[in-house]
Amino acid sequence: MKNTRNVAVGLALSAAAISGLANFLNKIAVTVIKDAVVYTTLKNALVAVLLAGVIVALGKRKEIAALSRRQWIRLIAVGVVGGSLPFALFFAGLQRTSALNASLIHKTMFVWVILLAAPLLKEKLSAAQWLGAGAIFAANLVVGGFTGFKFNSGEMMILAATLLWAAENIIAKKVLADVSAVTVAASRMAVGSLVLLPFALAAGGAGAVAQLNAGQWGWTLLAAGLLFGYVVAWYSALKRLPASQVACLLVPATLVTNALTAAFVTHSFGWTQFVSAALLAAGLSAVVLGRLAKPAPTAAAAN
């Protein structure tokens, strides 16, 4: 049990590292490729194809064939709520704001997940974990607080995407009770791509894809690879840990994005970044080492 928990923590932190790197690189990618919807749809479709290959390789076809109607509805909901509209909103917003601001907004997702998980998943944090969550929130504010925000359309788009992804955590946690992580991930990306496809085609997606040069394809393939690693690691962690904890463990992505921004854009990593890192480490320790105030019912019981 302890080993499973440690593996889950490692998976969540790996997802955070991938997310932080991806957020930094995606800012460049959406600038190079221009059309956020086409870029997002193509990237997500590539990940769906990769995951389909994994499903075949792992022999998960029997699992898919045995899915109940309720499980299919939840899988489709994961794809619609988490795999389609929020991606379009996020990358369109990323074209209008900085990578750091986007990461700070996105990493408030743990707050929304905690608020939703309490009534919907019956997850209750202990006092130590609440303090840890507070330290994590403070770590984000120390980096720049709200002073760098313009509250423009781009930031509002990213906030809307973040709220949808928070809702996805709750739906995914329920379906992961009796469906494998790779199957849920594949459903998310496949359904999401299908929902986005008409919008991409309306924006001239077929022609845009045909005109992509080698450099643009390189950025798209790199982003798809990172997204593949992120979604598999994230869902694998979410299957093993409470949604509130996994959401908190994804917050270090902000530190990764901040460090990359400091190294390659601003060329500055001051005391605020060190304070933020210290608060983040303390908060994560409290969240990981603390226990839920009351044992949450098993996901199967919650169904």
C-alpha atoms as a PDB file:
ATOM      1  CA  MET A   1       0.000   0.000   0.000  1.00  0.00           C
ATOM      2  CA  LYS A   2       2.778   2.423   0.951  1.00  0.00           C
ATOM      3  CA  ASN A   3       4.725   1.498  -2.182  1.00  0.00           C
ATOM      4  CA  THR A   4       1.624   2.143  -4.310  1.00  0.00           C
ATOM      5  CA  ARG A   5       1.239   5.554  -2.673  1.00  0.00           C
ATOM      6  CA  ASN A   6       4.892   6.398  -3.323  1.00  0.00           C
ATOM      7  CA  VAL A   7       4.548   5.367  -6.965  1.00  0.00           C
ATOM      8  CA  ALA A   8       1.443   7.537  -7.284  1.00  0.00           C
ATOM      9  CA  VAL A   9       3.230  10.540  -5.765  1.00  0.00           C
ATOM     10  CA  GLY A  10       6.119  10.011  -8.170  1.00  0.00           C
ATOM     11  CA  LEU A  11       3.727   9.830 -11.121  1.00  0.00           C
ATOM     12  CA  ALA A  12       1.961  13.045 -10.074  1.00  0.00           C
ATOM     13  CA  LEU A  13       5.260  14.901  -9.665  1.00  0.00           C
ATOM     14  CA  SER A  14       6.420  13.579 -13.036  1.00  0.00           C
ATOM     15  CA  ALA A  15       3.219  14.927 -14.572  1.00  0.00           C
ATOM     16  CA  ALA A  16       3.943  18.288 -12.915  1.00  0.00           C
ATOM     17  CA  ALA A  17       7.447  18.410 -14.385  1.00  0.00           C
ATOM     18  CA  ILE A  18       6.115  17.554 -17.855  1.00  0.00           C
ATOM     19  CA  SER A  19       3.356  20.151 -17.506  1.00  0.00           C
ATOM     20  CA  GLY A  20       5.804  22.887 -16.496  1.00  0.00           C
ATOM     21  CA  LEU A  21       8.063  22.144 -19.471  1.00  0.00           C
ATOM     22  CA  ALA A  22       5.112  21.856 -21.851  1.00  0.00           C
ATOM     23  CA  ASN A  23       3.614  25.157 -20.703  1.00  0.00           C
ATOM     24  CA  PHE A  24       6.874  26.954 -21.449  1.00  0.00           C
ATOM     25  CA  LEU A  25       7.340  25.310 -24.854  1.00  0.00           C
ATOM     26  CA  ASN A  26       3.688  25.657 -25.874  1.00  0.00           C
ATOM     27  CA  LYS A  27       4.003  29.422 -25.648  1.00  0.00           C
ATOM     28  CA  ILE A  28       6.607  29.194 -28.405  1.00  0.00           C
ATOM     29  CA  ALA A  29       4.668  26.579 -30.365  1.00  0.00           C
ATOM     30  CA  VAL A  30       1.417  28.548 -30.579  1.00  0.00           C
ATOM     31  CA  THR A  31       3.424  31.551 -31.778  1.00  0.00           C
ATOM     32  CA  VAL A  32       5.081  29.477 -34.499  1.00  0.00           C
ATOM     33  CA  ILE A  33       1.932  27.650 -35.658  1.00  0.00           C
ATOM     34  CA  LYS A  34      -0.433  30.640 -35.249  1.00  0.00           C
ATOM     35  CA  ASP A  35      -3.833  28.868 -35.253  1.00  0.00           C
ATOM     36  CA  ALA A  36      -4.434  27.630 -31.703  1.00  0.00           C
ATOM     37  CA  VAL A  37      -7.448  25.445 -32.555  1.00  0.00           C
ATOM     38  CA  VAL A  38      -5.701  23.678 -35.446  1.00  0.00           C
ATOM     39  CA  TYR A  39      -2.561  23.188 -33.357  1.00  0.00           C
ATOM     40  CA  THR A  40      -4.531  21.830 -30.394  1.00  0.00           C
ATOM     41  CA  THR A  41      -6.670  19.488 -32.493  1.00  0.00           C
ATOM     42  CA  LEU A  42      -3.694  18.067 -34.375  1.00  0.00           C
ATOM     43  CA  LYS A  43      -1.663  17.603 -31.206  1.00  0.00           C
ATOM     44  CA  ASN A  44      -4.511  15.921 -29.349  1.00  0.00           C
ATOM     45  CA  ALA A  45      -5.301  13.658 -32.300  1.00  0.00           C
ATOM     46  CA  LEU A  46      -1.680  12.500 -32.422  1.00  0.00           C
ATOM     47  CA  VAL A  47      -1.832  11.654 -28.721  1.00  0.00           C
ATOM     48  CA  ALA A  48      -5.089   9.756 -29.254  1.00  0.00           C
ATOM     49  CA  VAL A  49      -3.391   7.663 -31.952  1.00  0.00           C
ATOM     50  CA  LEU A  50      -0.434   6.955 -29.651  1.00  0.00           C
ATOM     51  CA  LEU A  51      -2.762   5.901 -26.841  1.00  0.00           C
ATOM     52  CA  ALA A  52      -4.748   3.687 -29.206  1.00  0.00           C
ATOM     53  CA  GLY A  53      -1.496   1.917 -29.996  1.00  0.00           C
ATOM     54  CA  VAL A  54      -0.785   1.471 -26.283  1.00  0.00           C
ATOM     55  CA  ILE A  55      -4.266   0.003 -25.751  1.00  0.00           C
ATOM     56  CA  VAL A  56      -3.644  -2.566 -28.491  1.00  0.00           C
ATOM     57  CA  ALA A  57      -0.172  -3.359 -27.146  1.00  0.00           C
ATOM     58  CA  LEU A  58      -1.468  -3.854 -23.594  1.00  0.00           C
ATOM     59  CA  GLY A  59      -4.425  -5.956 -24.690  1.00  0.00           C
ATOM     60  CA  LYS A  60      -7.052  -3.536 -23.374  1.00  0.00           C
ATOM     61  CA  ARG A  61      -9.547  -4.226 -26.157  1.00  0.00           C
ATOM     62  CA  LYS A  62     -11.448  -6.683 -23.958  1.00  0.00           C
ATOM     63  CA  GLU A  63     -11.814  -4.019 -21.283  1.00  0.00           C
ATOM     64  CA  ILE A  64     -13.262  -1.595 -23.823  1.00  0.00           C
ATOM     65  CA  ALA A  65     -15.681  -4.199 -25.162  1.00  0.00           C
ATOM     66  CA  ALA A  66     -16.944  -4.871 -21.630  1.00  0.00           C
ATOM     67  CA  LEU A  67     -17.627  -1.220 -20.760  1.00  0.00           C
ATOM     68  CA  SER A  68     -21.122  -0.520 -19.455  1.00  0.00           C
ATOM     69  CA  ARG A  69     -23.389   2.261 -20.712  1.00  0.00           C
ATOM     70  CA  ARG A  70     -22.658   4.317 -17.569  1.00  0.00           C
ATOM     71  CA  GLN A  71     -18.926   3.925 -18.066  1.00  0.00           C
ATOM     72  CA  TRP A  72     -19.214   5.035 -21.703  1.00  0.00           C
ATOM     73  CA  ILE A  73     -21.197   8.109 -20.680  1.00  0.00           C
ATOM     74  CA  ARG A  74     -18.541   9.042 -18.122  1.00  0.00           C
ATOM     75  CA  LEU A  75     -15.714   8.449 -20.606  1.00  0.00           C
ATOM     76  CA  ILE A  76     -17.424  10.667 -23.170  1.00  0.00           C
ATOM     77  CA  ALA A  77     -17.950  13.313 -20.469  1.00  0.00           C
ATOM     78  CA  VAL A  78     -14.224  13.219 -19.673  1.00  0.00           C
ATOM     79  CA  GLY A  79     -13.454  13.813 -23.348  1.00  0.00           C
ATOM     80  CA  VAL A  80     -15.943  16.649 -23.766  1.00  0.00           C
ATOM     81  CA  VAL A  81     -15.284  18.447 -20.468  1.00  0.00           C
ATOM     82  CA  GLY A  82     -11.539  17.870 -20.277  1.00  0.00           C
ATOM     83  CA  GLY A  83     -10.275  17.007 -23.738  1.00  0.00           C
ATOM     84  CA  SER A  84     -11.879  19.525 -26.070  1.00  0.00           C
ATOM     85  CA  LEU A  85     -13.094  23.026 -25.180  1.00  0.00           C
ATOM     86  CA  PRO A  86     -10.545  23.741 -22.406  1.00  0.00           C
ATOM     87  CA  PHE A  87      -7.651  23.001 -24.769  1.00  0.00           C
ATOM     88  CA  ALA A  88      -8.969  25.472 -27.326  1.00  0.00           C
ATOM     89  CA  LEU A  89      -9.548  28.065 -24.616  1.00  0.00           C
ATOM     90  CA  PHE A  90      -6.131  27.511 -23.035  1.00  0.00           C
ATOM     91  CA  PHE A  91      -4.073  27.783 -26.212  1.00  0.00           C
ATOM     92  CA  ALA A  92      -6.090  30.699 -27.557  1.00  0.00           C
ATOM     93  CA  GLY A  93      -5.528  32.406 -24.206  1.00  0.00           C
ATOM     94  CA  LEU A  94      -1.837  31.524 -24.265  1.00  0.00           C
ATOM     95  CA  GLN A  95      -1.475  33.554 -27.453  1.00  0.00           C
ATOM     96  CA  ARG A  96      -2.731  36.596 -25.520  1.00  0.00           C
ATOM     97  CA  THR A  97      -0.753  36.338 -22.279  1.00  0.00           C
ATOM     98  CA  SER A  98       2.604  35.175 -20.916  1.00  0.00           C
ATOM     99  CA  ALA A  99       3.518  31.541 -20.219  1.00  0.00           C
ATOM    100  CA  LEU A 100       4.098  32.397 -16.554  1.00  0.00           C
ATOM    101  CA  ASN A 101       0.674  34.007 -16.122  1.00  0.00           C
ATOM    102  CA  ALA A 102      -0.922  31.061 -17.889  1.00  0.00           C
ATOM    103  CA  SER A 103       0.867  28.636 -15.580  1.00  0.00           C
ATOM    104  CA  LEU A 104      -0.126  30.588 -12.451  1.00  0.00           C
ATOM    105  CA  ILE A 105      -3.789  30.576 -13.461  1.00  0.00           C
ATOM    106  CA  HIS A 106      -3.721  26.927 -14.476  1.00  0.00           C
ATOM    107  CA  LYS A 107      -2.133  25.911 -11.202  1.00  0.00           C
ATOM    108  CA  THR A 108      -5.040  27.352  -9.213  1.00  0.00           C
ATOM    109  CA  MET A 109      -6.786  24.217 -10.421  1.00  0.00           C
ATOM    110  CA  PHE A 110      -5.953  22.468  -7.140  1.00  0.00           C
ATOM    111  CA  VAL A 111      -8.136  24.987  -5.289  1.00  0.00           C
ATOM    112  CA  TRP A 112     -11.132  24.263  -7.505  1.00  0.00           C
ATOM    113  CA  VAL A 113     -10.533  20.504  -7.304  1.00  0.00           C
ATOM    114  CA  ILE A 114     -10.438  20.635  -3.494  1.00  0.00           C
ATOM    115  CA  LEU A 115     -13.691  22.609  -3.437  1.00  0.00           C
ATOM    116  CA  LEU A 116     -15.391  20.167  -5.814  1.00  0.00           C
ATOM    117  CA  ALA A 117     -13.955  16.983  -4.280  1.00  0.00           C
ATOM    118  CA  ALA A 118     -15.345  17.713  -0.830  1.00  0.00           C
ATOM    119  CA  PRO A 119     -19.055  17.457  -1.756  1.00  0.00           C
ATOM    120  CA  LEU A 120     -18.759  15.217  -4.833  1.00  0.00           C
ATOM    121  CA  LEU A 121     -16.066  12.717  -3.821  1.00  0.00           C
ATOM    122  CA  LYS A 122     -16.370  13.085  -0.032  1.00  0.00           C
ATOM    123  CA  GLU A 123     -12.684  13.970   0.248  1.00  0.00           C
ATOM    124  CA  LYS A 124     -11.825  16.004   3.336  1.00  0.00           C
ATOM    125  CA  LEU A 125      -8.355  17.375   3.946  1.00  0.00           C
ATOM    126  CA  SER A 126      -6.779  17.259   7.390  1.00  0.00           C
ATOM    127  CA  ALA A 127      -5.684  20.481   9.120  1.00  0.00           C
ATOM    128  CA  ALA A 128      -2.075  19.825   8.079  1.00  0.00           C
ATOM    129  CA  GLN A 129      -3.123  19.375   4.462  1.00  0.00           C
ATOM    130  CA  TRP A 130      -5.150  22.587   4.508  1.00  0.00           C
ATOM    131  CA  LEU A 131      -2.051  24.399   5.769  1.00  0.00           C
ATOM    132  CA  GLY A 132      -0.076  22.746   3.002  1.00  0.00           C
ATOM    133  CA  ALA A 133      -2.621  23.844   0.395  1.00  0.00           C
ATOM    134  CA  GLY A 134      -2.379  27.382   1.783  1.00  0.00           C
ATOM    135  CA  ALA A 135       1.415  27.310   1.484  1.00  0.00           C
ATOM    136  CA  ILE A 136       1.132  26.091  -2.123  1.00  0.00           C
ATOM    137  CA  PHE A 137      -1.259  28.939  -2.947  1.00  0.00           C
ATOM    138  CA  ALA A 138       1.102  31.425  -1.260  1.00  0.00           C
ATOM    139  CA  ALA A 139       4.014  30.014  -3.284  1.00  0.00           C
ATOM    140  CA  ASN A 140       2.158  30.907  -6.471  1.00  0.00           C
ATOM    141  CA  LEU A 141       1.388  34.420  -5.246  1.00  0.00           C
ATOM    142  CA  VAL A 142       5.002  35.101  -4.235  1.00  0.00           C
ATOM    143  CA  VAL A 143       6.156  34.536  -7.821  1.00  0.00           C
ATOM    144  CA  GLY A 144       4.246  37.602  -8.973  1.00  0.00           C
ATOM    145  CA  GLY A 145       0.884  37.655  -7.314  1.00  0.00           C
ATOM    146  CA  PHE A 146      -1.776  39.451  -9.243  1.00  0.00           C
ATOM    147  CA  THR A 147       0.426  42.429 -10.087  1.00  0.00           C
ATOM    148  CA  GLY A 148       1.456  40.965 -13.442  1.00  0.00           C
ATOM    149  CA  PHE A 149      -2.096  40.136 -14.443  1.00  0.00           C
ATOM    150  CA  LYS A 150      -4.064  42.329 -16.817  1.00  0.00           C
ATOM    151  CA  PHE A 151      -7.331  40.380 -16.415  1.00  0.00           C
ATOM    152  CA  ASN A 152      -7.631  40.418 -20.189  1.00  0.00           C
ATOM    153  CA  SER A 153      -9.463  38.006 -22.494  1.00  0.00           C
ATOM    154  CA  GLY A 154      -6.489  35.646 -22.662  1.00  0.00           C
ATOM    155  CA  GLU A 155      -6.322  35.234 -18.901  1.00  0.00           C
ATOM    156  CA  MET A 156     -10.088  34.770 -18.668  1.00  0.00           C
ATOM    157  CA  MET A 157      -9.906  32.030 -21.324  1.00  0.00           C
ATOM    158  CA  ILE A 158      -7.234  30.218 -19.340  1.00  0.00           C
ATOM    159  CA  LEU A 159      -9.289  30.536 -16.147  1.00  0.00           C
ATOM    160  CA  ALA A 160     -12.326  29.045 -17.928  1.00  0.00           C
ATOM    161  CA  ALA A 161     -10.159  26.176 -19.181  1.00  0.00           C
ATOM    162  CA  THR A 162      -8.837  25.616 -15.656  1.00  0.00           C
ATOM    163  CA  LEU A 163     -12.350  25.369 -14.218  1.00  0.00           C
ATOM    164  CA  LEU A 164     -13.320  22.811 -16.859  1.00  0.00           C
ATOM    165  CA  TRP A 165     -10.188  20.756 -16.126  1.00  0.00           C
ATOM    166  CA  ALA A 166     -11.032  20.857 -12.419  1.00  0.00           C
ATOM    167  CA  ALA A 167     -14.447  19.392 -13.198  1.00  0.00           C
ATOM    168  CA  GLU A 168     -12.743  16.761 -15.342  1.00  0.00           C
ATOM    169  CA  ASN A 169     -10.747  15.596 -12.299  1.00  0.00           C
ATOM    170  CA  ILE A 170     -13.965  14.728 -10.496  1.00  0.00           C
ATOM    171  CA  ILE A 171     -15.502  12.872 -13.445  1.00  0.00           C
ATOM    172  CA  ALA A 172     -12.249  11.036 -14.201  1.00  0.00           C
ATOM    173  CA  LYS A 173     -11.803   9.985 -10.569  1.00  0.00           C
ATOM    174  CA  LYS A 174     -15.178   8.251 -10.677  1.00  0.00           C
ATOM    175  CA  VAL A 175     -14.572   6.435 -13.955  1.00  0.00           C
ATOM    176  CA  LEU A 176     -11.032   5.407 -12.920  1.00  0.00           C
ATOM    177  CA  ALA A 177     -12.566   3.293 -10.153  1.00  0.00           C
ATOM    178  CA  ASP A 178     -13.069   0.428 -12.589  1.00  0.00           C
ATOM    179  CA  VAL A 179     -11.432   1.497 -15.852  1.00  0.00           C
ATOM    180  CA  SER A 180      -7.689   1.562 -16.543  1.00  0.00           C
ATOM    181  CA  ALA A 181      -5.828   4.862 -16.705  1.00  0.00           C
ATOM    182  CA  VAL A 182      -4.683   4.345 -20.300  1.00  0.00           C
ATOM    183  CA  THR A 183      -8.263   3.665 -21.471  1.00  0.00           C
ATOM    184  CA  VAL A 184      -9.555   6.818 -19.770  1.00  0.00           C
ATOM    185  CA  ALA A 185      -6.659   8.819 -21.229  1.00  0.00           C
ATOM    186  CA  ALA A 186      -7.335   7.464 -24.731  1.00  0.00           C
ATOM    187  CA  SER A 187     -11.020   8.315 -24.431  1.00  0.00           C
ATOM    188  CA  ARG A 188     -10.202  11.813 -23.276  1.00  0.00           C
ATOM    189  CA  MET A 189      -7.955  12.528 -26.234  1.00  0.00           C
ATOM    190  CA  ALA A 190     -10.045  10.720 -28.881  1.00  0.00           C
ATOM    191  CA  VAL A 191     -13.405  12.237 -27.903  1.00  0.00           C
ATOM    192  CA  GLY A 192     -11.803  15.620 -27.359  1.00  0.00           C
ATOM    193  CA  SER A 193     -10.223  15.553 -30.817  1.00  0.00           C
ATOM    194  CA  LEU A 194     -13.544  14.628 -32.443  1.00  0.00           C
ATOM    195  CA  VAL A 195     -15.283  17.536 -30.690  1.00  0.00           C
ATOM    196  CA  LEU A 196     -12.548  19.961 -31.766  1.00  0.00           C
ATOM    197  CA  LEU A 197     -12.349  18.687 -35.355  1.00  0.00           C
ATOM    198  CA  PRO A 198     -15.339  20.664 -36.784  1.00  0.00           C
ATOM    199  CA  PHE A 199     -13.954  23.887 -35.311  1.00  0.00           C
ATOM    200  CA  ALA A 200     -10.521  23.155 -36.738  1.00  0.00           C
ATOM    201  CA  LEU A 201     -11.989  22.384 -40.172  1.00  0.00           C
ATOM    202  CA  ALA A 202     -14.068  25.565 -40.067  1.00  0.00           C
ATOM    203  CA  ALA A 203     -10.862  27.475 -39.415  1.00  0.00           C
ATOM    204  CA  GLY A 204      -9.286  25.911 -42.493  1.00  0.00           C
ATOM    205  CA  GLY A 205      -7.594  23.151 -40.542  1.00  0.00           C
ATOM    206  CA  ALA A 206      -7.026  20.740 -43.441  1.00  0.00           C
ATOM    207  CA  GLY A 207      -5.242  23.395 -45.466  1.00  0.00           C
ATOM    208  CA  ALA A 208      -3.316  24.626 -42.436  1.00  0.00           C
ATOM    209  CA  VAL A 209      -2.053  21.128 -41.639  1.00  0.00           C
ATOM    210  CA  ALA A 210      -1.026  20.555 -45.258  1.00  0.00           C
ATOM    211  CA  GLN A 211       0.996  23.774 -45.180  1.00  0.00           C
ATOM    212  CA  LEU A 212       2.897  23.010 -41.972  1.00  0.00           C
ATOM    213  CA  ASN A 213       6.649  23.103 -42.515  1.00  0.00           C
ATOM    214  CA  ALA A 214       9.217  20.813 -40.904  1.00  0.00           C
ATOM    215  CA  GLY A 215       9.788  23.171 -37.988  1.00  0.00           C
ATOM    216  CA  GLN A 216       6.072  23.465 -37.218  1.00  0.00           C
ATOM    217  CA  TRP A 217       5.674  19.680 -37.401  1.00  0.00           C
ATOM    218  CA  GLY A 218       8.610  19.366 -35.034  1.00  0.00           C
ATOM    219  CA  TRP A 219       6.935  21.611 -32.446  1.00  0.00           C
ATOM    220  CA  THR A 220       3.650  19.742 -32.833  1.00  0.00           C
ATOM    221  CA  LEU A 221       5.255  16.320 -32.388  1.00  0.00           C
ATOM    222  CA  LEU A 222       7.226  17.526 -29.369  1.00  0.00           C
ATOM    223  CA  ALA A 223       4.072  18.927 -27.767  1.00  0.00           C
ATOM    224  CA  ALA A 224       2.170  15.708 -28.522  1.00  0.00           C
ATOM    225  CA  GLY A 225       4.900  13.632 -26.887  1.00  0.00           C
ATOM    226  CA  LEU A 226       4.823  15.773 -23.757  1.00  0.00           C
ATOM    227  CA  LEU A 227       1.015  15.653 -23.608  1.00  0.00           C
ATOM    228  CA  PHE A 228       1.098  11.861 -23.975  1.00  0.00           C
ATOM    229  CA  GLY A 229       3.476  11.550 -21.007  1.00  0.00           C
ATOM    230  CA  TYR A 230       1.481  14.031 -18.950  1.00  0.00           C
ATOM    231  CA  VAL A 231      -1.950  12.494 -19.409  1.00  0.00           C
ATOM    232  CA  VAL A 232      -0.763   8.926 -18.741  1.00  0.00           C
ATOM    233  CA  ALA A 233       1.184   9.927 -15.605  1.00  0.00           C
ATOM    234  CA  TRP A 234      -1.644  12.142 -14.342  1.00  0.00           C
ATOM    235  CA  TYR A 235      -4.430   9.586 -14.757  1.00  0.00           C
ATOM    236  CA  SER A 236      -2.231   6.830 -13.322  1.00  0.00           C
ATOM    237  CA  ALA A 237      -1.683   8.973 -10.216  1.00  0.00           C
ATOM    238  CA  LEU A 238      -5.360   9.969 -10.037  1.00  0.00           C
ATOM    239  CA  LYS A 239      -6.361   6.295 -10.037  1.00  0.00           C
ATOM    240  CA  ARG A 240      -4.257   5.694  -6.900  1.00  0.00           C
ATOM    241  CA  LEU A 241      -4.561   8.921  -4.882  1.00  0.00           C
ATOM    242  CA  PRO A 242      -7.392  11.285  -3.831  1.00  0.00           C
ATOM    243  CA  ALA A 243      -8.118  13.921  -6.465  1.00  0.00           C
ATOM    244  CA  SER A 244      -7.304  16.722  -4.001  1.00  0.00           C
ATOM    245  CA  GLN A 245      -3.789  15.402  -3.411  1.00  0.00           C
ATOM    246  CA  VAL A 246      -3.046  14.818  -7.078  1.00  0.00           C
ATOM    247  CA  ALA A 247      -4.174  18.353  -7.926  1.00  0.00           C
ATOM    248  CA  CYS A 248      -1.839  19.760  -5.260  1.00  0.00           C
ATOM    249  CA  LEU A 249       1.060  17.659  -6.533  1.00  0.00           C
ATOM    250  CA  LEU A 250       0.667  19.153 -10.016  1.00  0.00           C
ATOM    251  CA  VAL A 251       1.374  22.677  -8.770  1.00  0.00           C
ATOM    252  CA  PRO A 252       5.229  22.387  -9.009  1.00  0.00           C
ATOM    253  CA  ALA A 253       4.715  22.821 -12.756  1.00  0.00           C
ATOM    254  CA  THR A 254       4.629  26.558 -12.015  1.00  0.00           C
ATOM    255  CA  LEU A 255       8.126  26.356 -10.534  1.00  0.00           C
ATOM    256  CA  VAL A 256       9.385  24.530 -13.630  1.00  0.00           C
ATOM    257  CA  THR A 257       7.858  27.120 -15.969  1.00  0.00           C
ATOM    258  CA  ASN A 258       9.201  29.918 -13.790  1.00  0.00           C
ATOM    259  CA  ALA A 259      12.720  28.463 -13.778  1.00  0.00           C
ATOM    260  CA  LEU A 260      12.700  28.034 -17.571  1.00  0.00           C
ATOM    261  CA  THR A 261      11.371  31.571 -18.027  1.00  0.00           C
ATOM    262  CA  ALA A 262      14.121  32.895 -15.752  1.00  0.00           C
ATOM    263  CA  ALA A 263      16.807  30.927 -17.575  1.00  0.00           C
ATOM    264  CA  PHE A 264      15.785  31.665 -21.171  1.00  0.00           C
ATOM    265  CA  VAL A 265      13.594  34.800 -21.134  1.00  0.00           C
ATOM    266  CA  THR A 266      14.116  37.128 -18.163  1.00  0.00           C
ATOM    267  CA  HIS A 267      17.577  35.775 -17.207  1.00  0.00           C
ATOM    268  CA  SER A 268      16.729  36.452 -13.590  1.00  0.00           C
ATOM    269  CA  PHE A 269      15.972  34.124 -10.672  1.00  0.00           C
ATOM    270  CA  GLY A 270      15.655  36.268  -7.562  1.00  0.00           C
ATOM    271  CA  TRP A 271      14.807  35.768  -3.924  1.00  0.00           C
ATOM    272  CA  THR A 272      11.071  35.620  -4.661  1.00  0.00           C
ATOM    273  CA  GLN A 273      11.599  32.460  -6.678  1.00  0.00           C
ATOM    274  CA  PHE A 274      13.565  30.886  -3.835  1.00  0.00           C
ATOM    275  CA  VAL A 275      10.863  31.824  -1.311  1.00  0.00           C
ATOM    276  CA  SER A 276       8.241  30.416  -3.653  1.00  0.00           C
ATOM    277  CA  ALA A 277      10.178  27.167  -3.991  1.00  0.00           C
ATOM    278  CA  ALA A 278      10.530  26.860  -0.207  1.00  0.00           C
ATOM    279  CA  LEU A 279       6.805  27.457   0.357  1.00  0.00           C
ATOM    280  CA  LEU A 280       5.971  24.990  -2.369  1.00  0.00           C
ATOM    281  CA  ALA A 281       8.214  22.305  -0.873  1.00  0.00           C
ATOM    282  CA  ALA A 282       6.724  22.824   2.591  1.00  0.00           C
ATOM    283  CA  GLY A 283       3.174  22.770   1.253  1.00  0.00           C
ATOM    284  CA  LEU A 284       3.703  19.640  -0.809  1.00  0.00           C
ATOM    285  CA  SER A 285       5.276  17.862   2.165  1.00  0.00           C
ATOM    286  CA  ALA A 286       2.225  18.647   4.291  1.00  0.00           C
ATOM    287  CA  VAL A 287      -0.157  17.467   1.579  1.00  0.00           C
ATOM    288  CA  VAL A 288       1.730  14.230   0.920  1.00  0.00           C
ATOM    289  CA  LEU A 289       2.498  13.317   4.537  1.00  0.00           C
ATOM    290  CA  GLY A 290      -0.861  14.400   5.911  1.00  0.00           C
ATOM    291  CA  ARG A 291      -3.859  12.102   5.944  1.00  0.00           C
ATOM    292  CA  LEU A 292      -7.415  12.773   4.939  1.00  0.00           C
ATOM    293  CA  ALA A 293      -9.497  13.948   7.871  1.00  0.00           C
ATOM    294  CA  LYS A 294     -11.834  10.992   7.344  1.00  0.00           C
ATOM    295  CA  PRO A 295     -11.228   8.022   5.096  1.00  0.00           C
ATOM    296  CA  ALA A 296     -12.929   8.743   1.806  1.00  0.00           C
ATOM    297  CA  PRO A 297     -15.211   5.989   0.520  1.00  0.00           C
ATOM    298  CA  THR A 298     -13.731   3.833  -2.182  1.00  0.00           C
ATOM    299  CA  ALA A 299     -14.329   5.039  -5.690  1.00  0.00           C
ATOM    300  CA  ALA A 300     -16.487   1.979  -6.295  1.00  0.00           C
ATOM    301  CA  ALA A 301     -18.679   2.871  -3.316  1.00  0.00           C
ATOM    302  CA  ALA A 302     -18.887   6.465  -4.516  1.00  0.00           C
ATOM    303  CA  ASN A 303     -20.359   5.192  -7.741  1.00  0.00           C
END
